[in-house]
Protein backbone atom coordinates (compact mmCIF):
# COMPACT_ATOMS: atom_id res chain seq x y z
CA MET A 1 104.15 115.08 131.28
CA LEU A 2 106.50 111.87 131.15
CA ILE A 3 105.48 108.65 129.79
CA LEU A 4 107.86 106.50 131.86
CA GLY A 5 108.11 103.15 129.19
CA LYS A 6 109.77 101.20 132.76
CA GLU A 7 106.41 101.53 134.74
CA VAL A 8 103.97 100.72 131.95
CA SER A 9 106.81 97.71 130.96
CA LYS A 10 106.22 96.60 134.76
CA THR A 11 102.71 96.05 134.46
CA THR A 12 103.11 94.27 131.35
CA ARG A 13 105.72 91.98 131.80
CA LEU A 14 103.78 91.34 135.52
CA GLU A 15 100.76 90.05 133.48
CA ILE A 16 103.36 88.13 131.14
CA ALA A 17 104.72 86.12 133.90
CA GLU A 18 100.56 85.53 135.28
CA LYS A 19 100.19 83.91 132.05
CA VAL A 20 103.29 81.87 131.65
CA LYS A 21 102.68 80.36 134.75
CA GLU A 22 98.83 79.41 133.43
CA PHE A 23 100.74 78.50 129.90
CA GLU A 24 103.00 76.18 131.69
CA ALA A 25 100.45 74.55 134.45
CA LYS A 26 98.25 73.47 130.46
CA TYR A 27 101.14 72.45 128.85
CA ASN A 28 103.52 71.31 131.21
CA ARG A 29 106.52 73.63 129.55
CA VAL A 30 107.37 76.98 129.35
CA PRO A 31 107.68 79.26 126.27
CA CYS A 32 111.28 79.42 124.89
CA LEU A 33 112.94 82.37 123.16
CA SER A 34 116.29 81.32 120.71
CA VAL A 35 118.38 84.27 120.22
CA ILE A 36 121.51 84.64 117.32
CA ILE A 37 124.03 87.40 117.93
CA VAL A 38 126.85 87.61 115.35
CA GLY A 39 130.00 89.51 116.51
CA GLU A 40 130.83 92.10 119.77
CA ASP A 41 128.92 95.29 119.05
CA PRO A 42 128.29 96.46 122.43
CA ALA A 43 124.69 97.83 122.06
CA SER A 44 124.00 94.55 120.50
CA GLN A 45 125.24 92.47 123.75
CA THR A 46 123.34 94.79 125.69
CA TYR A 47 120.52 94.03 124.14
CA VAL A 48 120.87 90.56 123.99
CA ARG A 49 121.52 90.23 127.78
CA ASN A 50 118.49 92.54 129.09
CA LYS A 51 116.26 90.28 126.43
CA VAL A 52 117.71 86.95 128.41
CA LEU A 53 116.85 88.57 131.54
CA GLY A 54 113.36 89.32 130.74
CA CYS A 55 112.74 85.88 129.51
CA GLU A 56 114.18 84.95 133.46
CA GLU A 57 111.68 87.86 134.40
CA VAL A 58 108.85 86.44 133.26
CA GLY A 59 109.61 82.90 133.53
CA MET A 60 110.48 81.84 129.87
CA LYS A 61 113.62 79.51 128.37
CA SER A 62 115.82 81.66 126.20
CA LEU A 63 118.16 79.64 124.36
CA LYS A 64 121.18 82.23 123.24
CA TYR A 65 123.89 81.07 120.58
CA GLU A 66 126.62 83.48 120.26
CA PHE A 67 129.52 83.49 116.83
CA PRO A 68 132.15 85.74 116.01
CA ASP A 69 132.18 87.82 113.24
CA GLY A 70 133.70 86.22 110.25
CA THR A 71 131.69 83.16 111.24
CA ASN A 72 130.25 80.85 107.57
CA GLN A 73 127.01 82.41 107.17
CA GLU A 74 125.95 78.75 106.27
CA ASP A 75 126.52 77.92 110.02
CA ILE A 76 124.84 80.57 110.88
CA ALA A 77 121.75 79.40 108.26
CA ASN A 78 122.05 75.75 109.57
CA VAL A 79 121.85 76.86 113.41
CA ILE A 80 118.47 78.62 112.33
CA ARG A 81 117.33 76.01 110.33
CA THR A 82 117.49 74.21 113.48
CA LEU A 83 115.76 76.23 115.53
CA VAL A 84 113.05 76.43 113.35
CA ALA A 85 112.40 72.53 113.35
CA ASP A 86 113.08 72.31 117.14
CA LYS A 87 109.67 71.66 118.85
CA ASN A 88 110.22 72.85 122.03
CA VAL A 89 111.23 76.26 120.63
CA ASP A 90 108.55 78.97 120.21
CA GLY A 91 110.63 82.12 119.15
CA ILE A 92 113.32 82.80 116.73
CA LEU A 93 115.60 86.04 117.09
CA VAL A 94 118.57 87.16 114.80
CA GLN A 95 119.97 90.24 116.34
CA LEU A 96 120.58 93.26 114.15
CA PRO A 97 122.33 94.59 112.92
CA LEU A 98 124.71 92.34 111.56
CA PRO A 99 128.02 92.62 110.67
CA LYS A 100 128.99 93.70 107.29
CA GLY A 101 129.57 90.88 104.73
CA TYR A 102 126.35 88.92 106.08
CA ASP A 103 122.97 88.78 104.07
CA GLU A 104 120.03 90.30 106.46
CA LYS A 105 117.07 88.98 104.44
CA TYR A 106 118.68 85.69 103.28
CA LEU A 107 118.72 84.73 107.05
CA LEU A 108 116.02 86.45 108.33
CA ASP A 109 113.69 84.42 105.52
CA LEU A 110 114.71 81.33 107.45
CA ILE A 111 112.69 82.23 109.79
CA PRO A 112 109.48 80.93 109.42
CA GLU A 113 106.05 83.51 110.40
CA THR A 114 105.27 81.10 113.17
CA LYS A 115 108.61 81.63 114.82
CA ASP A 116 108.97 85.14 114.00
CA VAL A 117 108.67 87.17 117.40
CA ASP A 118 110.19 90.62 115.87
CA GLY A 119 107.52 90.34 113.71
CA PHE A 120 109.70 91.06 111.05
CA CYS A 121 109.26 88.59 108.37
CA ALA A 122 106.84 89.80 104.88
CA ASN A 123 103.91 87.78 106.22
CA ASN A 124 103.38 89.37 109.40
CA ILE A 125 104.22 92.80 108.13
CA GLY A 126 101.55 92.06 105.26
CA LEU A 127 99.11 91.27 107.76
CA LEU A 128 99.88 94.27 109.30
CA ALA A 129 99.59 96.07 106.56
CA LEU A 130 96.01 94.64 105.86
CA GLY A 131 95.02 95.73 109.56
CA THR A 132 94.33 91.69 110.79
CA PRO A 133 98.33 91.69 112.77
CA ARG A 134 99.45 88.28 113.84
CA THR A 135 102.55 89.39 115.09
CA ILE A 136 103.58 92.60 115.81
CA SER A 137 107.30 94.33 115.07
CA CYS A 138 107.73 94.80 119.21
CA THR A 139 108.81 98.53 118.75
CA PRO A 140 106.18 100.04 117.30
CA PHE A 141 103.93 97.91 119.68
CA GLY A 142 105.61 99.08 122.67
CA VAL A 143 104.92 102.76 121.37
CA MET A 144 101.10 101.41 120.76
CA LYS A 145 101.20 100.68 124.40
CA LEU A 146 102.60 103.98 125.93
CA LEU A 147 100.14 105.63 123.76
CA ALA A 148 97.66 104.01 125.44
CA SER A 149 98.95 104.89 128.34
CA THR A 150 98.09 108.42 128.10
CA GLY A 151 94.38 107.59 127.94
CA VAL A 152 93.99 110.14 124.48
CA ASP A 153 91.94 109.11 122.06
CA LEU A 154 93.85 108.45 119.04
CA LYS A 155 91.34 108.44 116.70
CA GLY A 156 91.17 111.13 113.66
CA LYS A 157 94.81 112.82 115.83
CA HIS A 158 97.47 113.69 112.97
CA ALA A 159 100.18 111.33 113.56
CA VAL A 160 103.72 111.51 112.12
CA VAL A 161 106.16 109.45 111.75
CA VAL A 162 109.43 110.57 111.21
CA GLY A 163 112.18 107.66 110.10
CA ARG A 164 110.75 105.18 107.61
CA SER A 165 112.63 101.99 108.39
CA ASN A 166 111.15 98.82 107.80
CA THR A 167 111.63 97.89 111.61
CA VAL A 168 110.10 100.94 113.13
CA GLY A 169 108.72 103.67 110.31
CA LYS A 170 106.61 101.63 108.28
CA PRO A 171 104.98 99.41 111.09
CA MET A 172 104.51 102.13 113.00
CA ALA A 173 102.79 104.05 110.68
CA MET A 174 100.50 100.64 109.86
CA LEU A 175 99.69 100.74 113.26
CA LEU A 176 98.45 104.39 113.86
CA LEU A 177 96.61 103.57 110.83
CA ASN A 178 94.91 100.85 111.91
CA ALA A 179 94.14 102.99 115.24
CA ASN A 180 92.89 105.84 112.62
CA CYS A 181 95.08 108.53 113.02
CA THR A 182 96.00 109.97 109.84
CA VAL A 183 99.30 109.57 109.30
CA THR A 184 102.51 111.28 107.66
CA VAL A 185 106.00 109.83 106.93
CA CYS A 186 108.85 111.59 106.50
CA HIS A 187 112.42 110.99 105.53
CA SER A 188 115.53 112.07 104.40
CA LYS A 189 114.23 113.29 101.12
CA THR A 190 111.09 115.46 102.96
CA THR A 191 110.77 118.89 102.56
CA ASN A 192 109.21 121.12 104.62
CA LEU A 193 109.73 118.69 107.60
CA GLU A 194 110.12 121.67 110.30
CA GLU A 195 106.02 122.39 109.17
CA ILE A 196 105.05 119.04 108.65
CA CYS A 197 105.88 117.96 112.52
CA LYS A 198 104.70 121.21 113.74
CA SER A 199 101.10 120.11 112.42
CA ALA A 200 101.55 117.04 114.20
CA ASP A 201 99.57 115.66 117.63
CA ILE A 202 101.35 113.06 117.93
CA LEU A 203 105.15 112.72 117.31
CA VAL A 204 106.95 109.71 116.69
CA VAL A 205 110.90 109.77 115.83
CA ALA A 206 113.22 107.37 114.48
CA ILE A 207 115.83 108.84 112.84
CA GLY A 208 119.14 107.90 114.48
CA LYS A 209 120.15 111.50 115.14
CA PRO A 210 120.82 112.97 118.34
CA LYS A 211 118.64 115.40 119.66
CA PHE A 212 117.35 116.48 115.72
CA LEU A 213 113.84 117.19 116.80
CA LYS A 214 113.78 121.01 118.80
CA ALA A 215 111.32 122.79 120.22
CA ASN A 216 110.29 124.58 117.05
CA MET A 217 109.56 121.46 115.14
CA VAL A 218 106.95 120.61 117.34
CA LYS A 219 103.14 122.01 117.94
CA GLU A 220 102.27 123.32 122.00
CA GLY A 221 100.20 120.29 123.61
CA ALA A 222 101.64 117.22 120.67
CA ILE A 223 102.28 114.07 122.28
CA VAL A 224 105.98 113.17 121.78
CA ILE A 225 107.60 109.92 121.45
CA ASP A 226 111.43 109.56 120.98
CA VAL A 227 112.37 106.05 119.54
CA GLY A 228 116.28 107.02 119.22
CA ILE A 229 119.22 105.53 121.40
CA ASN A 230 122.46 107.28 121.07
CA ARG A 231 125.54 107.94 122.54
CA VAL A 232 127.02 111.38 122.89
CA ASP A 233 130.35 111.92 125.02
CA GLY A 234 129.36 109.03 126.90
CA LYS A 235 125.81 109.96 127.64
CA LEU A 236 122.39 108.69 126.30
CA CYS A 237 119.80 110.34 124.30
CA GLY A 238 117.01 110.36 122.29
CA ASP A 239 116.31 111.70 119.03
CA VAL A 240 114.72 114.39 120.45
CA ASP A 241 116.17 117.60 122.22
CA PHE A 242 114.13 116.39 125.59
CA ASP A 243 115.00 119.59 127.38
CA GLU A 244 113.47 122.00 124.72
CA VAL A 245 110.79 119.78 123.57
CA GLU A 246 109.31 118.83 127.53
CA LYS A 247 108.37 122.27 127.75
CA LYS A 248 105.91 121.82 124.80
CA ALA A 249 104.82 118.23 124.92
CA SER A 250 102.03 117.49 126.78
CA PHE A 251 103.52 113.76 127.18
CA ILE A 252 106.86 112.71 126.07
CA THR A 253 109.28 109.43 126.66
CA PRO A 254 112.57 109.80 127.95
CA VAL A 255 115.76 108.74 126.92
CA PRO A 256 116.69 105.98 128.80
CA GLY A 257 113.39 104.72 130.26
CA GLY A 258 110.97 105.19 127.69
CA VAL A 259 110.85 103.22 124.83
CA GLY A 260 113.47 100.72 124.99
CA PRO A 261 111.71 98.88 128.39
CA MET A 262 108.99 98.24 126.18
CA THR A 263 110.33 96.99 123.09
CA ILE A 264 112.02 93.89 124.99
CA SER A 265 108.24 93.61 127.26
CA MET A 266 106.47 93.26 123.35
CA LEU A 267 108.78 90.56 122.24
CA LEU A 268 108.32 88.33 125.60
CA TYR A 269 104.46 88.88 124.65
CA ASN A 270 104.80 88.03 120.94
CA THR A 271 106.83 84.95 122.04
CA LEU A 272 104.16 83.95 124.36
CA MET A 273 101.62 84.39 121.62
CA ALA A 274 103.63 82.30 119.33
CA ALA A 275 103.81 79.44 121.93
CA GLN A 276 100.23 79.37 122.55
CA ASP A 277 99.01 79.53 118.72
CA ARG A 278 101.63 76.45 118.45
CA GLU A 279 99.82 74.55 121.22
CA ASN A 280 96.65 75.36 119.43
CA GLY A 281 97.06 74.00 116.24
């Protein structure tokens, strides 16, 4: 059965839009997300455009700061510092990946945890690891919403996360642990990967390799979440060989239309929560 992120995202955004109206009525302003993008990477440009459109959809304000590749890093840092000090800005996002030559950690570390709506800063990741999250990384957060939409009880299930990135794999594993799954994290150095994947009740694949996960790596009836997005011969595909794996999975996300819409919806949710937290002092 398909897990349609577009449908879950639509419901989520309607709920956020209602809460934005309540926020505006109470505080006489709307939550504000600022987005910084460096360079002309087409995928990044598309992501930022969708984030701005998402803000419009739910009634939030968005600010976009575009810099050509080669812009002095300190000029970008100074814009971030200005946004940090701006009382009308609730969330700050630096679109990743940055072009070569920029210090990603340096720029991200300028964003305080209270305005880190991507959930990437050390304090927010640390709180997630402790099981007391404040701002959760958007893509793993969206995956948990998609898993909840299946109605399957996650407690005690064996979840395998393929990929160990700081933005998806690691926070995904922590969220699944917090949901009482038994979690295995696999990566490029993992041995017996096929056997480990085949033991999973829940498979989350975020490895960045087109159609990497084949049917022989999937247990009958597993839930398969495909976080990957790749372009092959002009068409989008995920890290899962969808046509093969769909026949064995009880639930599976398509690409496109699966995880992607949820990532932006959870970014909007995080921005709303950051605005509420700031107003509540």
